[in-house]
Protein backbone atom coordinates (compact mmCIF):
# COMPACT_ATOMS: atom_id res chain seq x y z
CA MET A 1 -0.02 0.10 0.03
CA LYS A 2 1.32 3.55 -0.87
CA ASN A 3 -0.11 7.09 -0.16
CA TYR A 4 -1.41 9.13 -2.95
CA GLU A 5 -3.19 12.64 -2.81
CA ILE A 6 -5.89 13.05 -5.39
CA ALA A 7 -6.98 16.67 -6.44
CA VAL A 8 -10.17 16.99 -8.10
CA VAL A 9 -11.65 20.05 -9.57
CA LEU A 10 -15.67 19.59 -9.90
CA HIS A 11 -18.19 21.46 -12.11
CA PRO A 12 -19.13 24.58 -10.24
CA ASP A 13 -22.89 23.98 -10.75
CA LEU A 14 -22.47 21.15 -8.26
CA GLU A 15 -21.90 23.51 -5.33
CA ILE A 16 -25.65 22.92 -4.32
CA ASP A 17 -25.50 18.99 -4.04
CA LEU A 18 -21.86 18.58 -3.64
CA GLU A 19 -22.33 15.55 -1.14
CA ASN A 20 -23.57 13.26 -3.87
CA THR A 21 -20.74 13.96 -6.04
CA THR A 22 -18.02 13.70 -3.39
CA LYS A 23 -19.70 10.31 -2.42
CA LYS A 24 -19.48 9.22 -6.01
CA VAL A 25 -15.53 9.91 -6.22
CA GLU A 26 -15.10 8.38 -2.98
CA LYS A 27 -17.02 5.27 -4.03
CA ILE A 28 -14.44 4.98 -7.03
CA ILE A 29 -11.60 5.13 -4.50
CA THR A 30 -13.06 2.58 -1.99
CA ASP A 31 -14.31 0.34 -4.90
CA GLN A 32 -10.50 -0.31 -5.70
CA SER A 33 -9.87 -1.13 -2.09
CA GLY A 34 -8.50 2.28 -1.37
CA LYS A 35 -8.48 3.94 2.39
CA ILE A 36 -9.37 7.56 2.46
CA ASN A 37 -7.09 9.08 5.16
CA LYS A 38 -8.30 12.68 4.72
CA LYS A 39 -10.72 14.74 2.79
CA ASP A 40 -10.23 18.51 2.24
CA ASN A 41 -12.80 20.45 0.58
CA TRP A 42 -11.12 23.84 -0.69
CA GLY A 43 -14.57 25.12 -2.04
CA LYS A 44 -15.33 27.19 -5.01
CA ARG A 45 -12.12 28.86 -6.68
CA LYS A 46 -11.52 30.85 -9.76
CA LEU A 47 -9.65 28.61 -12.51
CA ALA A 48 -6.36 29.78 -13.92
CA TYR A 49 -7.80 29.22 -17.35
CA THR A 50 -10.99 28.09 -18.82
CA ILE A 51 -12.11 24.35 -18.62
CA LYS A 52 -15.23 23.18 -20.41
CA LYS A 53 -16.50 26.82 -20.77
CA GLN A 54 -16.29 27.33 -16.93
CA ASP A 55 -14.30 29.86 -15.01
CA TRP A 56 -14.87 28.51 -11.74
CA GLY A 57 -14.42 24.98 -10.05
CA ILE A 58 -14.78 23.29 -6.80
CA TYR A 59 -11.69 21.57 -5.46
CA VAL A 60 -11.53 18.60 -3.17
CA ILE A 61 -8.30 16.94 -2.06
CA TYR A 62 -8.24 13.46 -0.94
CA GLU A 63 -5.13 11.81 0.81
CA ILE A 64 -5.39 7.91 0.20
CA GLU A 65 -3.81 4.71 0.70
CA ILE A 66 -3.99 2.16 -2.17
CA ASP A 67 -2.14 -0.52 -3.86
CA PRO A 68 -0.02 0.96 -6.85
CA THR A 69 -1.54 -1.48 -9.04
CA LYS A 70 -5.10 -0.23 -8.64
CA VAL A 71 -4.28 3.47 -9.26
CA ARG A 72 -4.75 3.06 -13.00
CA ALA A 73 -8.44 1.93 -12.51
CA ILE A 74 -9.15 5.14 -10.39
CA ASN A 75 -7.53 7.34 -13.24
CA ASP A 76 -9.80 5.46 -15.93
CA LYS A 77 -12.98 5.92 -13.88
CA LEU A 78 -12.24 9.58 -12.88
CA ARG A 79 -11.56 10.35 -16.58
CA ILE A 80 -15.14 9.30 -17.76
CA THR A 81 -16.93 10.85 -14.70
CA GLU A 82 -19.02 13.91 -15.84
CA GLU A 83 -18.82 15.88 -12.66
CA VAL A 84 -15.23 15.88 -12.78
CA MET A 85 -13.59 18.54 -14.79
CA ARG A 86 -9.86 17.74 -14.00
CA TYR A 87 -7.94 15.74 -11.60
CA LEU A 88 -4.56 14.80 -10.65
CA ILE A 89 -3.17 11.67 -8.77
CA VAL A 90 0.23 12.17 -7.11
CA SER A 91 2.22 9.84 -5.08
CA THR A 92 3.50 11.31 -1.94
CA GLU A 93 5.81 8.71 -1.05
CA ASP A 94 8.04 9.65 -4.20
CA ILE A 95 8.82 12.96 -2.49
CA ARG A 96 12.50 13.06 -1.77
CA TYR A 97 13.75 13.99 1.56
CA LEU A 98 14.43 17.71 1.67
CA LYS A 99 16.88 19.62 3.90
CA LYS A 100 15.26 19.97 7.41
CA PRO A 101 14.59 23.58 8.24
CA ASN A 102 16.68 23.42 11.48
CA GLN A 103 19.63 21.90 9.95
CA LYS A 104 22.80 23.95 9.39
CA PRO A 105 23.90 24.46 5.87
CA THR A 106 26.93 22.10 5.03
CA ALA A 107 30.27 23.53 4.11
CA LYS A 108 30.46 24.16 0.26
CA LYS A 109 33.33 22.27 -1.67
CA THR A 110 35.74 25.21 -2.89
CA THR A 111 36.93 25.12 -6.45
CA LYS A 112 40.32 26.34 -7.75
CA LYS A 113 38.25 28.93 -9.78
CA ALA A 114 36.49 30.18 -6.39
CA GLU A 115 39.73 30.30 -4.60
CA GLU A 116 41.52 32.55 -7.21
CA GLU A 117 38.70 34.94 -7.27
CA LYS A 118 39.28 35.40 -3.49
């Protein structure tokens, strides 16, 4: 099981009955044996560019845990779901370790050119 984040942009007209649409997306995930760890509804926001003649979209972010072989099935089902305008599935485990904020910077290796400039 790997951790993934799914960002879904839903049609803005669904704002009135958003619960049914989010249940539909959640069913797509759970039908593939996925476990939803967190759901975050960002609400209606202006899109950076027009999608399907719409300037607004409802953003919903899911953090899930699922077998990597079943991500393709979720991808295929979200692609044909009418209420979903755009979506993005990203593995959160592929993020490499970054430098920790409290860590002191490491000493840089000096080159001959850098030494000559001093």
